[in-house]
């Protein structure tokens, strides 16, 4: 993975950590919510934990749960870039 998490990267992580198959195109929809895709809060936390471990960052999950995928990705990428 590069220093920016893409929709492709996130789709792979969701499949690996939450067991849900989604397409990058679904994730690119600005109004897309994890629950709409069948990814519950535990799945989101699994994805987040994987990203935190890979990039050595800490991200407050309470800010991300229940938010659209686009906001999740923006927050994660901002945090990763700030720590680089």
N, C-alpha and C. Protein backbone atom coordinates (compact mmCIF):
# COMPACT_ATOMS: atom_id res chain seq x y z
N UNK A 1 0.83 -1.20 0.00
CA UNK A 1 0.00 0.00 0.00
C UNK A 1 0.87 1.25 0.00
N UNK A 2 0.41 2.25 -0.72
CA UNK A 2 1.11 3.53 -0.72
C UNK A 2 0.73 4.31 0.53
N UNK A 3 1.20 5.56 0.60
CA UNK A 3 0.87 6.37 1.77
C UNK A 3 -0.56 6.91 1.70
N UNK A 4 -1.22 6.76 0.56
CA UNK A 4 -2.63 7.15 0.46
C UNK A 4 -3.46 5.91 0.21
N UNK A 5 -4.47 5.73 1.03
CA UNK A 5 -5.34 4.57 0.90
C UNK A 5 -6.38 4.89 -0.17
N UNK A 6 -6.44 4.04 -1.18
CA UNK A 6 -7.37 4.25 -2.29
C UNK A 6 -8.65 3.45 -2.06
N UNK A 7 -9.62 3.66 -2.93
CA UNK A 7 -10.85 2.87 -2.86
C UNK A 7 -10.54 1.39 -3.11
N UNK A 8 -9.57 1.12 -3.98
CA UNK A 8 -9.16 -0.27 -4.23
C UNK A 8 -8.58 -0.90 -2.97
N UNK A 9 -7.69 -0.15 -2.31
CA UNK A 9 -7.08 -0.64 -1.07
C UNK A 9 -8.16 -0.92 -0.02
N UNK A 10 -9.08 0.02 0.11
CA UNK A 10 -10.13 -0.12 1.12
C UNK A 10 -11.04 -1.30 0.81
N UNK A 11 -11.36 -1.51 -0.46
CA UNK A 11 -12.20 -2.65 -0.85
C UNK A 11 -11.51 -3.97 -0.46
N UNK A 12 -10.20 -4.04 -0.67
CA UNK A 12 -9.45 -5.24 -0.29
C UNK A 12 -9.46 -5.44 1.22
N UNK A 13 -9.25 -4.36 1.97
CA UNK A 13 -9.26 -4.46 3.43
C UNK A 13 -10.63 -4.88 3.96
N UNK A 14 -11.68 -4.36 3.38
CA UNK A 14 -13.04 -4.72 3.81
C UNK A 14 -13.28 -6.20 3.58
N UNK A 15 -12.84 -6.71 2.44
CA UNK A 15 -12.99 -8.14 2.15
C UNK A 15 -12.19 -8.98 3.14
N UNK A 16 -10.96 -8.56 3.41
CA UNK A 16 -10.08 -9.31 4.31
C UNK A 16 -10.52 -9.23 5.76
N UNK A 17 -10.82 -8.05 6.24
CA UNK A 17 -11.10 -7.84 7.66
C UNK A 17 -12.57 -8.00 8.05
N UNK A 18 -13.49 -7.71 7.11
CA UNK A 18 -14.92 -7.78 7.45
C UNK A 18 -15.63 -8.89 6.70
N UNK A 19 -14.95 -9.49 5.72
CA UNK A 19 -15.56 -10.59 4.98
C UNK A 19 -16.67 -10.17 4.03
N UNK A 20 -16.67 -8.90 3.64
CA UNK A 20 -17.71 -8.37 2.75
C UNK A 20 -17.05 -7.93 1.45
N UNK A 21 -17.59 -8.39 0.34
CA UNK A 21 -17.06 -8.01 -0.96
C UNK A 21 -17.75 -6.74 -1.44
N UNK A 22 -16.96 -5.71 -1.69
CA UNK A 22 -17.47 -4.45 -2.23
C UNK A 22 -16.56 -4.03 -3.38
N UNK A 23 -17.08 -3.18 -4.24
CA UNK A 23 -16.28 -2.70 -5.35
C UNK A 23 -15.75 -1.30 -5.03
N UNK A 24 -14.63 -0.94 -5.62
CA UNK A 24 -14.12 0.42 -5.44
C UNK A 24 -15.14 1.47 -5.89
N UNK A 25 -15.92 1.14 -6.91
CA UNK A 25 -16.94 2.06 -7.40
C UNK A 25 -18.01 2.32 -6.34
N UNK A 26 -18.40 1.28 -5.62
CA UNK A 26 -19.38 1.46 -4.54
C UNK A 26 -18.82 2.38 -3.47
N UNK A 27 -17.56 2.19 -3.14
CA UNK A 27 -16.92 3.00 -2.10
C UNK A 27 -16.74 4.45 -2.53
N UNK A 28 -16.65 4.70 -3.83
CA UNK A 28 -16.44 6.06 -4.34
C UNK A 28 -17.72 6.90 -4.30
N UNK A 29 -18.87 6.27 -4.10
CA UNK A 29 -20.13 7.01 -4.02
C UNK A 29 -20.08 7.90 -2.78
N UNK A 30 -20.23 9.23 -2.93
CA UNK A 30 -20.08 10.14 -1.79
C UNK A 30 -21.05 9.86 -0.62
N UNK A 31 -22.20 9.30 -0.90
CA UNK A 31 -23.16 9.03 0.17
C UNK A 31 -23.10 7.62 0.72
N UNK A 32 -22.14 6.84 0.25
CA UNK A 32 -22.03 5.44 0.65
C UNK A 32 -21.71 5.32 2.14
N UNK A 33 -22.47 4.48 2.82
CA UNK A 33 -22.25 4.20 4.23
C UNK A 33 -21.83 2.74 4.36
N UNK A 34 -20.98 2.45 5.35
CA UNK A 34 -20.53 1.08 5.56
C UNK A 34 -21.71 0.13 5.78
N UNK A 35 -22.68 0.55 6.56
CA UNK A 35 -23.83 -0.31 6.83
C UNK A 35 -24.61 -0.63 5.57
N UNK A 36 -24.68 0.31 4.63
CA UNK A 36 -25.36 0.07 3.36
C UNK A 36 -24.68 -1.05 2.58
N UNK A 37 -23.39 -1.23 2.81
CA UNK A 37 -22.61 -2.26 2.13
C UNK A 37 -22.61 -3.59 2.88
N UNK A 38 -23.20 -3.59 4.06
CA UNK A 38 -23.22 -4.80 4.87
C UNK A 38 -22.04 -4.91 5.82
N UNK A 39 -21.33 -3.80 6.02
CA UNK A 39 -20.18 -3.79 6.92
C UNK A 39 -20.62 -3.15 8.24
N UNK A 40 -20.64 -3.94 9.30
CA UNK A 40 -21.06 -3.42 10.60
C UNK A 40 -19.90 -2.73 11.32
N UNK A 41 -20.18 -2.21 12.50
CA UNK A 41 -19.17 -1.44 13.23
C UNK A 41 -17.94 -2.29 13.57
N UNK A 42 -18.12 -3.56 13.84
CA UNK A 42 -16.96 -4.43 14.12
C UNK A 42 -16.09 -4.59 12.88
N UNK A 43 -16.71 -4.66 11.72
CA UNK A 43 -15.95 -4.72 10.47
C UNK A 43 -15.15 -3.46 10.23
N UNK A 44 -15.78 -2.31 10.50
CA UNK A 44 -15.10 -1.03 10.34
C UNK A 44 -13.92 -0.95 11.31
N UNK A 45 -14.13 -1.39 12.55
CA UNK A 45 -13.05 -1.37 13.53
C UNK A 45 -11.90 -2.29 13.12
N UNK A 46 -12.22 -3.42 12.50
CA UNK A 46 -11.18 -4.32 12.00
C UNK A 46 -10.36 -3.68 10.91
N UNK A 47 -11.02 -2.99 9.99
CA UNK A 47 -10.32 -2.27 8.92
C UNK A 47 -9.45 -1.18 9.52
N UNK A 48 -10.02 -0.45 10.46
CA UNK A 48 -9.28 0.64 11.10
C UNK A 48 -8.05 0.12 11.85
N UNK A 49 -8.21 -0.97 12.57
CA UNK A 49 -7.09 -1.56 13.31
C UNK A 49 -5.97 -1.98 12.35
N UNK A 50 -6.34 -2.55 11.23
CA UNK A 50 -5.34 -2.95 10.24
C UNK A 50 -4.58 -1.73 9.73
N UNK A 51 -5.31 -0.66 9.41
CA UNK A 51 -4.67 0.56 8.92
C UNK A 51 -3.76 1.19 9.98
N UNK A 52 -4.21 1.19 11.22
CA UNK A 52 -3.39 1.73 12.31
C UNK A 52 -2.10 0.95 12.45
N UNK A 53 -2.19 -0.37 12.37
CA UNK A 53 -1.00 -1.22 12.49
C UNK A 53 -0.05 -1.03 11.32
N UNK A 54 -0.57 -0.94 10.12
CA UNK A 54 0.27 -0.79 8.93
C UNK A 54 1.02 0.53 8.91
N UNK A 55 0.34 1.59 9.34
CA UNK A 55 0.91 2.92 9.22
C UNK A 55 1.40 3.50 10.53
N UNK A 56 1.24 2.79 11.62
CA UNK A 56 1.73 3.25 12.92
C UNK A 56 1.07 4.52 13.40
N UNK A 57 -0.22 4.64 13.12
CA UNK A 57 -0.97 5.83 13.54
C UNK A 57 -2.09 5.40 14.49
N UNK A 58 -2.63 6.38 15.19
CA UNK A 58 -3.78 6.14 16.05
C UNK A 58 -4.92 7.04 15.56
N UNK A 59 -6.06 6.43 15.30
CA UNK A 59 -7.21 7.16 14.79
C UNK A 59 -8.39 6.92 15.72
N UNK A 60 -9.03 7.99 16.15
CA UNK A 60 -10.16 7.89 17.06
C UNK A 60 -11.37 7.32 16.32
N UNK A 61 -11.72 6.08 16.64
CA UNK A 61 -12.81 5.42 15.93
C UNK A 61 -14.16 6.07 16.20
N UNK A 62 -14.32 6.73 17.32
CA UNK A 62 -15.62 7.36 17.62
C UNK A 62 -15.94 8.46 16.62
N UNK A 63 -14.90 9.03 16.01
CA UNK A 63 -15.11 10.07 14.99
C UNK A 63 -15.53 9.48 13.65
N UNK A 64 -15.33 8.18 13.46
CA UNK A 64 -15.55 7.59 12.15
C UNK A 64 -16.76 6.68 12.05
N UNK A 65 -17.16 6.06 13.14
CA UNK A 65 -18.29 5.14 13.08
C UNK A 65 -19.56 5.92 12.76
N UNK A 66 -20.31 5.43 11.81
CA UNK A 66 -21.55 6.08 11.41
C UNK A 66 -21.35 7.20 10.39
N UNK A 67 -20.13 7.39 9.95
CA UNK A 67 -19.84 8.42 8.94
C UNK A 67 -19.78 7.78 7.55
N UNK A 68 -19.99 8.57 6.50
CA UNK A 68 -19.86 8.01 5.15
C UNK A 68 -18.44 7.50 4.89
N UNK A 69 -18.33 6.56 3.98
CA UNK A 69 -17.04 5.98 3.62
C UNK A 69 -16.07 7.07 3.17
N UNK A 70 -16.56 8.05 2.42
CA UNK A 70 -15.70 9.13 1.93
C UNK A 70 -15.04 9.88 3.08
N UNK A 71 -15.79 10.16 4.15
CA UNK A 71 -15.23 10.84 5.31
C UNK A 71 -14.24 9.96 6.04
N UNK A 72 -14.54 8.67 6.15
CA UNK A 72 -13.63 7.71 6.76
C UNK A 72 -12.29 7.74 6.02
N UNK A 73 -12.34 7.62 4.70
CA UNK A 73 -11.13 7.58 3.89
C UNK A 73 -10.37 8.90 3.98
N UNK A 74 -11.07 10.01 3.98
CA UNK A 74 -10.41 11.31 4.08
C UNK A 74 -9.70 11.47 5.42
N UNK A 75 -10.36 11.06 6.49
CA UNK A 75 -9.76 11.16 7.83
C UNK A 75 -8.53 10.26 7.95
N UNK A 76 -8.66 9.04 7.48
CA UNK A 76 -7.54 8.10 7.55
C UNK A 76 -6.36 8.63 6.73
N UNK A 77 -6.62 9.06 5.51
CA UNK A 77 -5.53 9.56 4.66
C UNK A 77 -4.89 10.80 5.26
N UNK A 78 -5.67 11.69 5.82
CA UNK A 78 -5.10 12.89 6.46
C UNK A 78 -4.21 12.52 7.63
N UNK A 79 -4.65 11.56 8.44
CA UNK A 79 -3.88 11.11 9.59
C UNK A 79 -2.57 10.46 9.15
N UNK A 80 -2.65 9.60 8.13
CA UNK A 80 -1.45 8.92 7.63
C UNK A 80 -0.46 9.94 7.07
N UNK A 81 -0.94 10.88 6.28
CA UNK A 81 -0.06 11.89 5.69
C UNK A 81 0.58 12.77 6.77
N UNK A 82 -0.17 13.11 7.80
CA UNK A 82 0.34 13.96 8.86
C UNK A 82 1.45 13.26 9.66
N UNK A 83 1.39 11.95 9.71
CA UNK A 83 2.39 11.21 10.50
C UNK A 83 3.63 10.84 9.68
N UNK A 84 3.55 11.05 8.38
CA UNK A 84 4.67 10.65 7.49
C UNK A 84 5.85 11.60 7.62
